[in-house]
């Protein structure tokens, strides 16, 4: 995964070129702690770890944004209406989240081309899926909007349209003309 800092040189590309290379939407997160990555790798197919504590999602977003350059960017490249992206801890998921609080198959993101955004559905995970600090109920789809806070267990993300990321990169780019 590239960091925001690694993407900065691409901020000078046109929005069209950036979208072509990146896809329509991104998930941005703080790099996972190495110890959590190791625990998640050891868990493999084993049962998900219950969350020991849950920080408030909205508070964590402010911390994330202060270290914006270090954040990791996960590009989603939906091409067709209804295309799905699996989110989970194990290899084979579209988005592998190496966190022990994330279930093997935690959630599904579904692309809605007309809206230009994804919806999210929890897949019966142990620690839940959260949008803007509100838990999703069983079998509940929630449309995501540009800038939403999204969490799978304790793994926290910011959901952005790619054009929003591009605009932020351009604003902060030192070689912008």
N, C-alpha and C. Protein backbone atom coordinates (compact mmCIF):
# COMPACT_ATOMS: atom_id res chain seq x y z
N UNK A 1 0.82 -1.17 0.00
CA UNK A 1 0.00 0.00 0.00
C UNK A 1 0.87 1.24 0.00
N UNK A 2 0.57 2.17 -0.86
CA UNK A 2 1.35 3.41 -0.82
C UNK A 2 0.86 4.31 0.32
N UNK A 3 1.76 5.15 0.79
CA UNK A 3 1.38 6.14 1.78
C UNK A 3 0.97 7.41 1.04
N UNK A 4 0.32 8.31 1.76
CA UNK A 4 -0.05 9.60 1.18
C UNK A 4 1.21 10.30 0.68
N UNK A 5 2.28 10.23 1.45
CA UNK A 5 3.54 10.89 1.08
C UNK A 5 4.07 10.33 -0.26
N UNK A 6 3.98 9.01 -0.44
CA UNK A 6 4.44 8.41 -1.69
C UNK A 6 3.58 8.82 -2.88
N UNK A 7 2.34 9.17 -2.63
CA UNK A 7 1.44 9.58 -3.71
C UNK A 7 1.57 11.05 -4.10
N UNK A 8 2.21 11.84 -3.26
CA UNK A 8 2.30 13.28 -3.52
C UNK A 8 2.83 13.63 -4.92
N UNK A 9 3.86 12.95 -5.45
CA UNK A 9 4.34 13.31 -6.80
C UNK A 9 3.26 13.15 -7.89
N UNK A 10 2.28 12.30 -7.63
CA UNK A 10 1.23 12.07 -8.62
C UNK A 10 0.13 13.12 -8.55
N UNK A 11 0.23 14.04 -7.58
CA UNK A 11 -0.78 15.09 -7.43
C UNK A 11 -0.78 16.04 -8.61
N UNK A 12 0.33 16.10 -9.32
CA UNK A 12 0.41 17.01 -10.46
C UNK A 12 -0.30 16.46 -11.69
N UNK A 13 -0.65 15.17 -11.67
CA UNK A 13 -1.39 14.59 -12.78
C UNK A 13 -2.79 15.20 -12.82
N UNK A 14 -3.39 15.19 -13.98
CA UNK A 14 -4.77 15.66 -14.08
C UNK A 14 -5.67 14.72 -13.29
N UNK A 15 -6.82 15.21 -12.90
CA UNK A 15 -7.77 14.38 -12.17
C UNK A 15 -8.14 13.15 -12.99
N UNK A 16 -8.34 13.32 -14.29
CA UNK A 16 -8.71 12.20 -15.15
C UNK A 16 -7.63 11.12 -15.14
N UNK A 17 -6.37 11.53 -15.25
CA UNK A 17 -5.26 10.57 -15.24
C UNK A 17 -5.15 9.88 -13.87
N UNK A 18 -5.35 10.65 -12.80
CA UNK A 18 -5.29 10.10 -11.45
C UNK A 18 -6.40 9.07 -11.24
N UNK A 19 -7.62 9.39 -11.69
CA UNK A 19 -8.75 8.46 -11.58
C UNK A 19 -8.49 7.20 -12.39
N UNK A 20 -7.96 7.35 -13.59
CA UNK A 20 -7.67 6.20 -14.46
C UNK A 20 -6.68 5.25 -13.78
N UNK A 21 -5.69 5.81 -13.13
CA UNK A 21 -4.66 4.99 -12.48
C UNK A 21 -5.10 4.44 -11.13
N UNK A 22 -6.03 5.13 -10.46
CA UNK A 22 -6.32 4.82 -9.07
C UNK A 22 -7.66 4.16 -8.80
N UNK A 23 -8.63 4.32 -9.66
CA UNK A 23 -9.97 3.84 -9.37
C UNK A 23 -10.83 4.94 -8.79
N UNK A 24 -12.06 4.61 -8.44
CA UNK A 24 -13.04 5.62 -8.04
C UNK A 24 -13.04 5.98 -6.56
N UNK A 25 -12.71 5.03 -5.70
CA UNK A 25 -12.77 5.29 -4.26
C UNK A 25 -11.56 4.69 -3.56
N UNK A 26 -11.25 5.25 -2.38
CA UNK A 26 -10.11 4.77 -1.60
C UNK A 26 -10.51 4.64 -0.14
N UNK A 27 -9.79 3.78 0.55
CA UNK A 27 -9.87 3.69 2.00
C UNK A 27 -8.49 4.08 2.53
N UNK A 28 -8.47 5.00 3.47
CA UNK A 28 -7.22 5.51 4.03
C UNK A 28 -7.17 5.10 5.49
N UNK A 29 -5.99 4.62 5.93
CA UNK A 29 -5.86 4.20 7.32
C UNK A 29 -4.46 4.45 7.85
N UNK A 30 -4.35 4.50 9.18
CA UNK A 30 -3.04 4.52 9.80
C UNK A 30 -2.44 3.15 9.58
N UNK A 31 -1.14 3.07 9.31
CA UNK A 31 -0.52 1.75 9.17
C UNK A 31 -0.76 0.94 10.44
N UNK A 32 -1.14 -0.34 10.30
CA UNK A 32 -1.39 -1.16 11.49
C UNK A 32 -0.12 -1.33 12.32
N UNK A 33 -0.31 -1.46 13.62
CA UNK A 33 0.81 -1.71 14.52
C UNK A 33 1.42 -3.06 14.17
N UNK A 34 2.75 -3.17 14.10
CA UNK A 34 3.39 -4.45 13.75
C UNK A 34 2.97 -5.61 14.64
N UNK A 35 2.77 -5.35 15.93
CA UNK A 35 2.39 -6.43 16.84
C UNK A 35 1.01 -6.97 16.46
N UNK A 36 0.08 -6.09 16.06
CA UNK A 36 -1.25 -6.55 15.65
C UNK A 36 -1.17 -7.32 14.35
N UNK A 37 -0.30 -6.90 13.44
CA UNK A 37 -0.12 -7.63 12.18
C UNK A 37 0.38 -9.05 12.47
N UNK A 38 1.33 -9.17 13.39
CA UNK A 38 1.88 -10.49 13.73
C UNK A 38 0.82 -11.38 14.36
N UNK A 39 0.03 -10.83 15.27
CA UNK A 39 -1.04 -11.62 15.90
C UNK A 39 -2.05 -12.05 14.85
N UNK A 40 -2.43 -11.14 13.97
CA UNK A 40 -3.40 -11.47 12.92
C UNK A 40 -2.87 -12.56 12.00
N UNK A 41 -1.59 -12.49 11.65
CA UNK A 41 -0.99 -13.52 10.79
C UNK A 41 -1.00 -14.88 11.49
N UNK A 42 -0.73 -14.89 12.78
CA UNK A 42 -0.72 -16.16 13.52
C UNK A 42 -2.12 -16.74 13.67
N UNK A 43 -3.11 -15.86 13.72
CA UNK A 43 -4.49 -16.34 13.86
C UNK A 43 -4.93 -17.14 12.64
N UNK A 44 -4.54 -16.66 11.46
CA UNK A 44 -4.94 -17.34 10.23
C UNK A 44 -6.42 -17.66 10.22
N UNK A 45 -6.74 -18.94 10.18
CA UNK A 45 -8.13 -19.39 10.13
C UNK A 45 -8.76 -19.49 11.52
N UNK A 46 -8.00 -19.19 12.57
CA UNK A 46 -8.53 -19.30 13.93
C UNK A 46 -9.59 -18.23 14.19
N UNK A 47 -10.20 -18.33 15.33
CA UNK A 47 -11.28 -17.42 15.71
C UNK A 47 -10.76 -16.00 15.92
N UNK A 48 -11.60 -15.03 15.59
CA UNK A 48 -11.30 -13.62 15.76
C UNK A 48 -11.15 -13.28 17.24
N UNK A 49 -10.26 -12.35 17.54
CA UNK A 49 -10.06 -11.88 18.90
C UNK A 49 -11.08 -10.80 19.20
N UNK A 50 -11.75 -10.91 20.36
CA UNK A 50 -12.66 -9.85 20.79
C UNK A 50 -11.89 -8.59 21.09
N UNK A 51 -12.51 -7.47 20.86
CA UNK A 51 -11.84 -6.20 21.10
C UNK A 51 -11.64 -5.99 22.59
N UNK A 52 -10.41 -5.72 22.97
CA UNK A 52 -10.10 -5.47 24.37
C UNK A 52 -10.62 -4.09 24.79
N UNK A 53 -10.50 -3.14 23.91
CA UNK A 53 -11.02 -1.79 24.15
C UNK A 53 -11.32 -1.17 22.80
N UNK A 54 -12.20 -0.24 22.80
CA UNK A 54 -12.57 0.41 21.54
C UNK A 54 -12.40 1.91 21.71
N UNK A 55 -11.49 2.47 20.95
CA UNK A 55 -11.34 3.91 20.99
C UNK A 55 -12.48 4.53 20.20
N UNK A 56 -12.80 5.75 20.50
CA UNK A 56 -13.88 6.41 19.78
C UNK A 56 -13.39 6.74 18.38
N UNK A 57 -14.12 6.26 17.40
CA UNK A 57 -13.74 6.37 16.00
C UNK A 57 -13.53 7.82 15.57
N UNK A 58 -14.44 8.69 15.91
CA UNK A 58 -14.33 10.08 15.45
C UNK A 58 -13.10 10.73 16.05
N UNK A 59 -12.80 10.48 17.34
CA UNK A 59 -11.60 11.03 17.95
C UNK A 59 -10.34 10.55 17.24
N UNK A 60 -10.32 9.26 16.87
CA UNK A 60 -9.15 8.69 16.19
C UNK A 60 -8.93 9.34 14.83
N UNK A 61 -10.01 9.75 14.16
CA UNK A 61 -9.85 10.37 12.84
C UNK A 61 -9.04 11.65 12.93
N UNK A 62 -9.24 12.43 13.97
CA UNK A 62 -8.46 13.65 14.12
C UNK A 62 -6.99 13.33 14.29
N UNK A 63 -6.69 12.27 15.04
CA UNK A 63 -5.31 11.82 15.21
C UNK A 63 -4.76 11.37 13.85
N UNK A 64 -5.55 10.62 13.08
CA UNK A 64 -5.12 10.15 11.76
C UNK A 64 -4.75 11.32 10.86
N UNK A 65 -5.62 12.32 10.83
CA UNK A 65 -5.42 13.41 9.89
C UNK A 65 -4.21 14.27 10.23
N UNK A 66 -3.81 14.31 11.50
CA UNK A 66 -2.60 15.05 11.87
C UNK A 66 -1.36 14.41 11.24
N UNK A 67 -1.36 13.11 11.07
CA UNK A 67 -0.25 12.40 10.45
C UNK A 67 -0.61 11.97 9.04
N UNK A 68 -1.24 12.84 8.28
CA UNK A 68 -1.81 12.51 6.97
C UNK A 68 -0.79 11.88 6.02
N UNK A 69 0.43 12.39 5.99
CA UNK A 69 1.43 11.86 5.05
C UNK A 69 1.76 10.39 5.29
N UNK A 70 1.64 9.92 6.54
CA UNK A 70 1.99 8.54 6.86
C UNK A 70 0.85 7.56 6.62
N UNK A 71 -0.34 8.06 6.35
CA UNK A 71 -1.49 7.17 6.17
C UNK A 71 -1.33 6.30 4.93
N UNK A 72 -1.84 5.07 5.02
CA UNK A 72 -1.81 4.14 3.88
C UNK A 72 -3.09 4.32 3.06
N UNK A 73 -2.94 4.18 1.76
CA UNK A 73 -4.07 4.34 0.85
C UNK A 73 -4.36 3.00 0.17
N UNK A 74 -5.60 2.54 0.31
CA UNK A 74 -6.05 1.30 -0.32
C UNK A 74 -6.99 1.70 -1.46
N UNK A 75 -6.58 1.46 -2.69
CA UNK A 75 -7.39 1.83 -3.84
C UNK A 75 -8.41 0.74 -4.14
N UNK A 76 -9.65 1.14 -4.35
CA UNK A 76 -10.68 0.22 -4.84
C UNK A 76 -10.94 0.62 -6.29
N UNK A 77 -10.97 -0.35 -7.15
CA UNK A 77 -11.13 -0.06 -8.58
C UNK A 77 -12.38 -0.73 -9.14
N UNK A 78 -13.55 -0.27 -8.70
CA UNK A 78 -14.78 -0.89 -9.22
C UNK A 78 -14.95 -0.56 -10.70
N UNK A 79 -15.42 -1.54 -11.43
CA UNK A 79 -15.62 -1.34 -12.87
C UNK A 79 -17.07 -1.53 -13.29
N UNK A 80 -17.82 -2.35 -12.55
CA UNK A 80 -19.19 -2.62 -12.95
C UNK A 80 -20.15 -2.41 -11.78
N UNK A 81 -21.37 -2.04 -12.11
CA UNK A 81 -22.43 -1.87 -11.11
C UNK A 81 -22.57 -3.14 -10.27
N UNK A 82 -22.62 -2.97 -8.95
CA UNK A 82 -22.81 -4.10 -8.05
C UNK A 82 -21.54 -4.89 -7.74
N UNK A 83 -20.40 -4.48 -8.30
CA UNK A 83 -19.15 -5.19 -8.01
C UNK A 83 -18.89 -5.18 -6.51
N UNK A 84 -18.45 -6.32 -5.98
CA UNK A 84 -18.25 -6.45 -4.54
C UNK A 84 -16.77 -6.62 -4.20
N UNK A 85 -16.41 -6.07 -3.04
CA UNK A 85 -15.06 -6.16 -2.49
C UNK A 85 -15.18 -6.73 -1.09
N UNK A 86 -14.55 -7.88 -0.86
CA UNK A 86 -14.60 -8.50 0.46
C UNK A 86 -13.52 -7.88 1.35
N UNK A 87 -13.86 -7.71 2.62
CA UNK A 87 -12.95 -7.15 3.61
C UNK A 87 -12.80 -8.19 4.72
N UNK A 88 -11.56 -8.53 5.04
CA UNK A 88 -11.34 -9.50 6.10
C UNK A 88 -9.88 -9.67 6.43
N UNK A 89 -9.62 -10.59 7.36
CA UNK A 89 -8.28 -10.81 7.87
C UNK A 89 -7.47 -11.78 7.02
N UNK A 90 -8.12 -12.63 6.22
CA UNK A 90 -7.39 -13.70 5.55
C UNK A 90 -7.10 -13.38 4.09
N UNK A 91 -6.04 -13.99 3.59
CA UNK A 91 -5.68 -13.86 2.18
C UNK A 91 -6.87 -14.29 1.34
N UNK A 92 -7.02 -13.67 0.20
CA UNK A 92 -8.14 -13.96 -0.67
C UNK A 92 -9.21 -12.89 -0.59
N UNK A 93 -9.23 -12.10 0.49
CA UNK A 93 -10.15 -10.97 0.57
C UNK A 93 -9.63 -9.86 -0.34
N UNK A 94 -10.54 -9.07 -0.89
CA UNK A 94 -10.13 -7.94 -1.73
C UNK A 94 -9.30 -6.94 -0.94
N UNK A 95 -9.68 -6.73 0.31
CA UNK A 95 -8.93 -5.86 1.22
C UNK A 95 -8.59 -6.68 2.45
N UNK A 96 -7.32 -7.05 2.57
CA UNK A 96 -6.85 -7.82 3.73
C UNK A 96 -6.47 -6.82 4.82
N UNK A 97 -7.10 -6.97 5.98
CA UNK A 97 -6.86 -6.08 7.11
C UNK A 97 -6.20 -6.91 8.22
N UNK A 98 -4.88 -6.76 8.38
CA UNK A 98 -4.16 -7.58 9.37
C UNK A 98 -4.34 -7.06 10.79
N UNK A 99 -5.51 -7.28 11.33
CA UNK A 99 -5.83 -6.85 12.69
C UNK A 99 -6.60 -7.99 13.35
N UNK A 100 -6.21 -8.39 14.57
CA UNK A 100 -6.87 -9.53 15.20
C UNK A 100 -8.35 -9.29 15.53
N UNK A 101 -8.81 -8.04 15.54
CA UNK A 101 -10.23 -7.77 15.81
C UNK A 101 -11.08 -7.88 14.55
N UNK A 102 -10.44 -8.09 13.40
CA UNK A 102 -11.14 -8.22 12.12
C UNK A 102 -11.42 -9.70 11.88
N UNK A 103 -12.64 -10.01 11.51
CA UNK A 103 -13.02 -11.40 11.23
C UNK A 103 -12.41 -11.87 9.91
N UNK A 104 -12.38 -13.19 9.74
CA UNK A 104 -11.83 -13.76 8.50
C UNK A 104 -12.51 -13.15 7.29
N UNK A 105 -13.83 -13.13 7.25
CA UNK A 105 -14.60 -12.39 6.27
C UNK A 105 -15.48 -11.46 7.07
N UNK A 106 -15.12 -10.19 7.10
CA UNK A 106 -15.73 -9.24 8.01
C UNK A 106 -16.90 -8.48 7.40
N UNK A 107 -16.70 -7.97 6.17
CA UNK A 107 -17.72 -7.12 5.55
C UNK A 107 -17.59 -7.19 4.03
N UNK A 108 -18.61 -6.67 3.37
CA UNK A 108 -18.61 -6.57 1.91
C UNK A 108 -18.88 -5.11 1.55
N UNK A 109 -18.06 -4.58 0.64
CA UNK A 109 -18.31 -3.27 0.05
C UNK A 109 -18.88 -3.51 -1.34
N UNK A 110 -19.95 -2.81 -1.69
CA UNK A 110 -20.59 -2.98 -3.01
C UNK A 110 -20.63 -1.63 -3.72
N UNK A 111 -20.20 -1.62 -4.98
CA UNK A 111 -20.12 -0.41 -5.80
C UNK A 111 -21.50 -0.07 -6.38
N UNK A 112 -21.87 1.20 -6.27
CA UNK A 112 -23.10 1.73 -6.86
C UNK A 112 -22.68 2.84 -7.82
N UNK A 113 -22.60 2.50 -9.09
CA UNK A 113 -22.04 3.40 -10.10
C UNK A 113 -22.79 4.72 -10.19
N UNK A 114 -24.11 4.66 -10.18
CA UNK A 114 -24.89 5.89 -10.34
C UNK A 114 -24.62 6.88 -9.20
N UNK A 115 -24.51 6.37 -7.98
CA UNK A 115 -24.22 7.22 -6.83
C UNK A 115 -22.74 7.60 -6.77
N UNK A 116 -21.88 6.77 -7.39
CA UNK A 116 -20.44 7.02 -7.33
C UNK A 116 -19.84 6.67 -5.98
N UNK A 117 -20.52 5.82 -5.22
CA UNK A 117 -20.06 5.43 -3.90
C UNK A 117 -20.35 3.96 -3.66
N UNK A 118 -19.83 3.46 -2.55
CA UNK A 118 -20.04 2.07 -2.15
C UNK A 118 -21.02 2.01 -0.98
N UNK A 119 -21.61 0.85 -0.82
CA UNK A 119 -22.34 0.54 0.42
C UNK A 119 -21.52 -0.51 1.15
N UNK A 120 -21.79 -0.66 2.43
CA UNK A 120 -21.09 -1.65 3.25
C UNK A 120 -22.12 -2.51 3.96
N UNK A 121 -21.78 -3.79 4.11
CA UNK A 121 -22.63 -4.75 4.84
C UNK A 121 -21.72 -5.62 5.69
N UNK A 122 -22.02 -5.67 6.97
CA UNK A 122 -21.29 -6.55 7.88
C UNK A 122 -21.68 -8.00 7.57
N UNK A 123 -20.72 -8.90 7.66
CA UNK A 123 -20.95 -10.30 7.35
C UNK A 123 -21.03 -11.17 8.60
N UNK A 124 -21.65 -10.62 9.66
CA UNK A 124 -21.77 -11.38 10.91
C UNK A 124 -20.48 -11.41 11.70
N UNK A 125 -19.69 -10.36 11.58
CA UNK A 125 -18.40 -10.32 12.26
C UNK A 125 -18.57 -10.28 13.78
N UNK A 126 -17.53 -10.70 14.48
CA UNK A 126 -17.56 -10.70 15.94
C UNK A 126 -17.57 -9.29 16.52
N UNK A 127 -16.78 -8.39 15.92
CA UNK A 127 -16.58 -7.06 16.50
C UNK A 127 -17.28 -5.94 15.75
N UNK A 128 -18.05 -6.27 14.75
CA UNK A 128 -18.90 -5.29 14.10
C UNK A 128 -18.23 -4.40 13.08
N UNK A 129 -19.08 -3.78 12.29
CA UNK A 129 -18.69 -2.79 11.29
C UNK A 129 -19.37 -1.49 11.69
N UNK A 130 -18.61 -0.41 11.63
CA UNK A 130 -19.07 0.89 12.13
C UNK A 130 -18.94 1.95 11.05
N UNK A 131 -19.95 2.79 10.91
CA UNK A 131 -19.90 3.94 10.01
C UNK A 131 -20.18 5.18 10.85
N UNK A 132 -19.22 6.09 10.88
CA UNK A 132 -19.33 7.31 11.68
C UNK A 132 -19.76 6.99 13.12
N UNK A 133 -19.10 5.99 13.70
CA UNK A 133 -19.28 5.57 15.10
C UNK A 133 -20.64 4.93 15.36
N UNK A 134 -21.42 4.61 14.32
CA UNK A 134 -22.69 3.89 14.48
C UNK A 134 -22.52 2.47 13.96
N UNK A 135 -22.90 1.52 14.79
CA UNK A 135 -22.77 0.12 14.42
C UNK A 135 -23.81 -0.27 13.38
N UNK A 136 -23.39 -1.09 12.42
CA UNK A 136 -24.34 -1.64 11.46
C UNK A 136 -25.04 -2.83 12.10
N UNK A 137 -26.33 -2.92 11.89
CA UNK A 137 -27.08 -4.07 12.38
C UNK A 137 -26.93 -5.24 11.43
N UNK A 138 -27.41 -6.41 11.86
CA UNK A 138 -27.33 -7.58 10.98
C UNK A 138 -28.12 -7.35 9.69
N UNK A 139 -27.54 -7.78 8.59
CA UNK A 139 -28.18 -7.67 7.27
C UNK A 139 -28.54 -6.24 6.89
N UNK A 140 -27.82 -5.27 7.41
CA UNK A 140 -28.09 -3.87 7.11
C UNK A 140 -27.03 -3.34 6.15
N UNK A 141 -27.48 -2.80 5.02
CA UNK A 141 -26.58 -2.11 4.09
C UNK A 141 -26.58 -0.63 4.44
N UNK A 142 -25.42 -0.01 4.37
CA UNK A 142 -25.32 1.43 4.61
C UNK A 142 -24.52 2.04 3.47
N UNK A 143 -25.10 3.03 2.82
CA UNK A 143 -24.37 3.76 1.79
C UNK A 143 -23.28 4.58 2.46
N UNK A 144 -22.11 4.58 1.84
CA UNK A 144 -21.01 5.39 2.34
C UNK A 144 -20.96 6.69 1.56
N UNK A 145 -20.57 7.74 2.25
CA UNK A 145 -20.42 9.05 1.62
C UNK A 145 -18.98 9.50 1.75
N UNK A 146 -18.57 10.32 0.83
CA UNK A 146 -17.22 10.87 0.84
C UNK A 146 -16.90 11.45 2.22
N UNK A 147 -15.83 10.95 2.83
CA UNK A 147 -15.39 11.45 4.14
C UNK A 147 -15.91 10.67 5.32
N UNK A 148 -16.67 9.60 5.09
CA UNK A 148 -17.19 8.80 6.20
C UNK A 148 -16.06 8.07 6.93
N UNK A 149 -16.21 7.97 8.25
CA UNK A 149 -15.34 7.14 9.08
C UNK A 149 -15.90 5.72 9.03
N UNK A 150 -15.04 4.75 8.79
CA UNK A 150 -15.44 3.36 8.62
C UNK A 150 -14.51 2.50 9.46
N UNK A 151 -15.08 1.58 10.24
CA UNK A 151 -14.25 0.69 11.06
C UNK A 151 -14.73 -0.74 10.92
N UNK A 152 -13.78 -1.64 10.83
CA UNK A 152 -14.00 -3.07 10.86
C UNK A 152 -13.33 -3.54 12.15
N UNK A 153 -14.14 -3.84 13.18
CA UNK A 153 -13.55 -4.09 14.49
C UNK A 153 -12.81 -2.84 14.93
N UNK A 154 -11.55 -3.01 15.33
CA UNK A 154 -10.73 -1.88 15.74
C UNK A 154 -9.97 -1.22 14.59
N UNK A 155 -10.00 -1.80 13.40
CA UNK A 155 -9.28 -1.24 12.25
C UNK A 155 -10.10 -0.10 11.65
N UNK A 156 -9.53 1.09 11.69
CA UNK A 156 -10.26 2.30 11.32
C UNK A 156 -9.76 2.89 10.01
N UNK A 157 -10.72 3.33 9.20
CA UNK A 157 -10.46 3.86 7.87
C UNK A 157 -11.23 5.15 7.65
N UNK A 158 -10.79 5.89 6.67
CA UNK A 158 -11.52 7.03 6.16
C UNK A 158 -11.88 6.68 4.72
N UNK A 159 -13.16 6.74 4.38
CA UNK A 159 -13.64 6.43 3.03
C UNK A 159 -13.67 7.73 2.22
N UNK A 160 -12.98 7.74 1.10
CA UNK A 160 -12.91 8.93 0.26
C UNK A 160 -13.13 8.60 -1.20
N UNK A 161 -13.75 9.51 -1.90
CA UNK A 161 -13.75 9.43 -3.36
C UNK A 161 -12.34 9.82 -3.80
N UNK A 162 -11.90 9.24 -4.88
CA UNK A 162 -10.53 9.48 -5.33
C UNK A 162 -10.30 10.95 -5.67
N UNK A 163 -11.31 11.63 -6.19
CA UNK A 163 -11.12 13.06 -6.50
C UNK A 163 -10.88 13.89 -5.25
N UNK A 164 -11.42 13.46 -4.11
CA UNK A 164 -11.16 14.16 -2.85
C UNK A 164 -9.71 13.96 -2.42
N UNK A 165 -9.22 12.73 -2.53
CA UNK A 165 -7.82 12.47 -2.22
C UNK A 165 -6.92 13.29 -3.14
N UNK A 166 -7.22 13.31 -4.42
CA UNK A 166 -6.43 14.07 -5.39
C UNK A 166 -6.40 15.55 -5.01
N UNK A 167 -7.54 16.11 -4.63
CA UNK A 167 -7.59 17.52 -4.23
C UNK A 167 -6.73 17.78 -3.00
N UNK A 168 -6.77 16.88 -2.01
CA UNK A 168 -5.95 17.04 -0.81
C UNK A 168 -4.46 16.94 -1.15
N UNK A 169 -4.12 16.03 -2.04
CA UNK A 169 -2.72 15.89 -2.44
C UNK A 169 -2.24 17.15 -3.16
N UNK A 170 -3.07 17.70 -4.02
CA UNK A 170 -2.70 18.91 -4.77
C UNK A 170 -2.55 20.12 -3.83
N UNK A 171 -3.45 20.23 -2.84
CA UNK A 171 -3.37 21.36 -1.91
C UNK A 171 -2.08 21.34 -1.11
N UNK A 172 -1.62 20.16 -0.76
CA UNK A 172 -0.45 20.03 0.10
C UNK A 172 0.85 19.80 -0.68
N UNK A 173 0.76 19.73 -2.01
CA UNK A 173 1.95 19.44 -2.81
C UNK A 173 2.86 20.67 -2.88
N UNK A 174 4.13 20.54 -2.47
CA UNK A 174 5.04 21.68 -2.47
C UNK A 174 5.39 22.17 -3.88
N UNK A 175 5.28 21.31 -4.88
CA UNK A 175 5.66 21.72 -6.23
C UNK A 175 4.46 22.09 -7.09
N UNK A 176 3.33 22.34 -6.41
CA UNK A 176 2.10 22.72 -7.14
C UNK A 176 2.30 24.09 -7.77
N UNK A 177 1.81 24.23 -8.99
CA UNK A 177 2.02 25.49 -9.68
C UNK A 177 0.87 26.31 -9.93
